[in-house]
C-alpha atoms as a PDB file:
ATOM      1  CA  MET A   1     -30.513 -12.417 -37.712  1.00  0.00           C
ATOM      2  CA  ALA A   2     -31.638 -12.695 -34.343  1.00  0.00           C
ATOM      3  CA  ASN A   3     -28.594 -15.609 -33.845  1.00  0.00           C
ATOM      4  CA  PHE A   4     -25.894 -12.800 -35.304  1.00  0.00           C
ATOM      5  CA  SER A   5     -27.461  -9.992 -32.939  1.00  0.00           C
ATOM      6  CA  SER A   6     -27.315 -11.827 -30.152  1.00  0.00           C
ATOM      7  CA  GLN A   7     -23.475 -13.093 -30.826  1.00  0.00           C
ATOM      8  CA  LEU A   8     -22.621  -9.841 -31.721  1.00  0.00           C
ATOM      9  CA  LYS A   9     -24.059  -8.471 -28.293  1.00  0.00           C
ATOM     10  CA  ALA A  10     -21.990 -11.450 -26.262  1.00  0.00           C
ATOM     11  CA  GLU A  11     -18.725 -10.167 -28.354  1.00  0.00           C
ATOM     12  CA  ILE A  12     -19.054  -6.499 -27.683  1.00  0.00           C
ATOM     13  CA  SER A  13     -20.283  -7.253 -23.941  1.00  0.00           C
ATOM     14  CA  ARG A  14     -17.230  -9.815 -23.697  1.00  0.00           C
ATOM     15  CA  ILE A  15     -14.319  -7.182 -25.327  1.00  0.00           C
ATOM     16  CA  ALA A  16     -16.319  -4.551 -22.819  1.00  0.00           C
ATOM     17  CA  ARG A  17     -15.691  -7.107 -19.635  1.00  0.00           C
ATOM     18  CA  LYS A  18     -12.033  -7.358 -20.802  1.00  0.00           C
ATOM     19  CA  GLU A  19     -11.277  -3.564 -20.991  1.00  0.00           C
ATOM     20  CA  ILE A  20     -12.841  -2.948 -17.230  1.00  0.00           C
ATOM     21  CA  ARG A  21     -10.797  -5.635 -15.991  1.00  0.00           C
ATOM     22  CA  ALA A  22      -7.743  -4.269 -17.532  1.00  0.00           C
ATOM     23  CA  GLU A  23      -8.165  -0.816 -15.877  1.00  0.00           C
ATOM     24  CA  THR A  24      -9.363  -1.922 -12.850  1.00  0.00           C
ATOM     25  CA  GLN A  25      -6.595  -4.144 -12.653  1.00  0.00           C
ATOM     26  CA  ALA A  26      -4.183  -0.965 -12.273  1.00  0.00           C
ATOM     27  CA  LEU A  27      -6.288  -0.127  -9.517  1.00  0.00           C
ATOM     28  CA  LYS A  28      -6.271  -3.022  -7.519  1.00  0.00           C
ATOM     29  CA  LYS A  29      -2.715  -2.244  -7.634  1.00  0.00           C
ATOM     30  CA  ALA A  30      -2.000   0.691  -6.837  1.00  0.00           C
ATOM     31  CA  SER A  31      -4.479   0.380  -3.740  1.00  0.00           C
ATOM     32  CA  ALA A  32      -2.633  -2.906  -2.601  1.00  0.00           C
ATOM     33  CA  GLN A  33       0.687  -0.509  -3.455  1.00  0.00           C
ATOM     34  CA  TYR A  34      -1.338   2.541  -1.216  1.00  0.00           C
ATOM     35  CA  ARG A  35      -2.246  -0.135   1.961  1.00  0.00           C
ATOM     36  CA  THR A  36       1.185  -1.515   1.933  1.00  0.00           C
ATOM     37  CA  ASP A  37       2.655   2.064   2.373  1.00  0.00           C
ATOM     38  CA  ILE A  38      -0.349   2.946   4.962  1.00  0.00           C
ATOM     39  CA  ALA A  39       1.183   0.123   6.800  1.00  0.00           C
ATOM     40  CA  ALA A  40       4.553   0.863   7.046  1.00  0.00           C
ATOM     41  CA  LEU A  41       3.517   4.551   7.864  1.00  0.00           C
ATOM     42  CA  ARG A  42       1.575   3.070  11.216  1.00  0.00           C
ATOM     43  CA  ARG A  43       4.870   0.663  12.136  1.00  0.00           C
ATOM     44  CA  ARG A  44       6.790   3.524  12.258  1.00  0.00           C
ATOM     45  CA  ILE A  45       4.386   6.104  13.994  1.00  0.00           C
ATOM     46  CA  ALA A  46       3.968   3.105  16.337  1.00  0.00           C
ATOM     47  CA  GLU A  47       8.188   2.983  17.120  1.00  0.00           C
ATOM     48  CA  GLN A  48       8.315   7.181  16.949  1.00  0.00           C
ATOM     49  CA  ASP A  49       5.584   7.281  19.948  1.00  0.00           C
ATOM     50  CA  ARG A  50       7.942   4.072  21.581  1.00  0.00           C
ATOM     51  CA  VAL A  51      10.814   6.337  21.395  1.00  0.00           C
ATOM     52  CA  ILE A  52       9.078   9.825  22.410  1.00  0.00           C
ATOM     53  CA  ALA A  53       7.360   7.679  25.706  1.00  0.00           C
ATOM     54  CA  ARG A  54      11.525   6.689  26.507  1.00  0.00           C
ATOM     55  CA  LEU A  55      12.754   9.673  26.385  1.00  0.00           C
ATOM     56  CA  ARG A  56       9.606  11.484  28.490  1.00  0.00           C
ATOM     57  CA  LYS A  57      10.768   8.391  31.011  1.00  0.00           C
ATOM     58  CA  GLY A  58      14.320   9.830  31.192  1.00  0.00           C
ATOM     59  CA  LYS A  59      15.140   6.672  29.650  1.00  0.00           C
ATOM     60  CA  PRO A  60      17.516   6.626  26.698  1.00  0.00           C
ATOM     61  CA  PRO A  61      16.311   5.114  23.474  1.00  0.00           C
ATOM     62  CA  LEU A  62      17.443   2.058  22.162  1.00  0.00           C
ATOM     63  CA  ALA A  63      20.341   2.432  19.791  1.00  0.00           C
ATOM     64  CA  VAL A  64      19.026   0.355  16.780  1.00  0.00           C
ATOM     65  CA  GLY A  65      15.796   2.021  17.390  1.00  0.00           C
ATOM     66  CA  LEU A  66      16.868   5.284  17.165  1.00  0.00           C
ATOM     67  CA  SER A  67      18.763   4.892  14.469  1.00  0.00           C
ATOM     68  CA  HIS A  68      15.727   2.896  12.339  1.00  0.00           C
ATOM     69  CA  VAL A  69      13.467   6.178  13.638  1.00  0.00           C
ATOM     70  CA  CYS A  70      15.414   8.709  12.447  1.00  0.00           C
ATOM     71  CA  GLY A  71      16.235   6.889   8.702  1.00  0.00           C
ATOM     72  CA  ARG A  72      19.813   6.623   9.302  1.00  0.00           C
ATOM     73  CA  ILE A  73      22.706   4.904  10.798  1.00  0.00           C
ATOM     74  CA  ALA A  74      24.858   6.985  12.715  1.00  0.00           C
ATOM     75  CA  HIS A  75      28.580   5.839  11.761  1.00  0.00           C
ATOM     76  CA  ARG A  76      30.870   6.323  14.716  1.00  0.00           C
END
């Protein structure tokens, strides 16, 4: 009976690890997406800071930089 109980225990452990792996996989994917989003936001902030610095110096911002920062392209 010791063999049966050890096999049962091993099977329960295997199934538990499989379930935990499935649950943590979703969290890992979400975490990776959040890191990507945070990096993109930091890049946008850096670009906006550069535009603000140019405006404070009295230089007009670049058309491409401004349209990128504003999130839309002016069609004129």
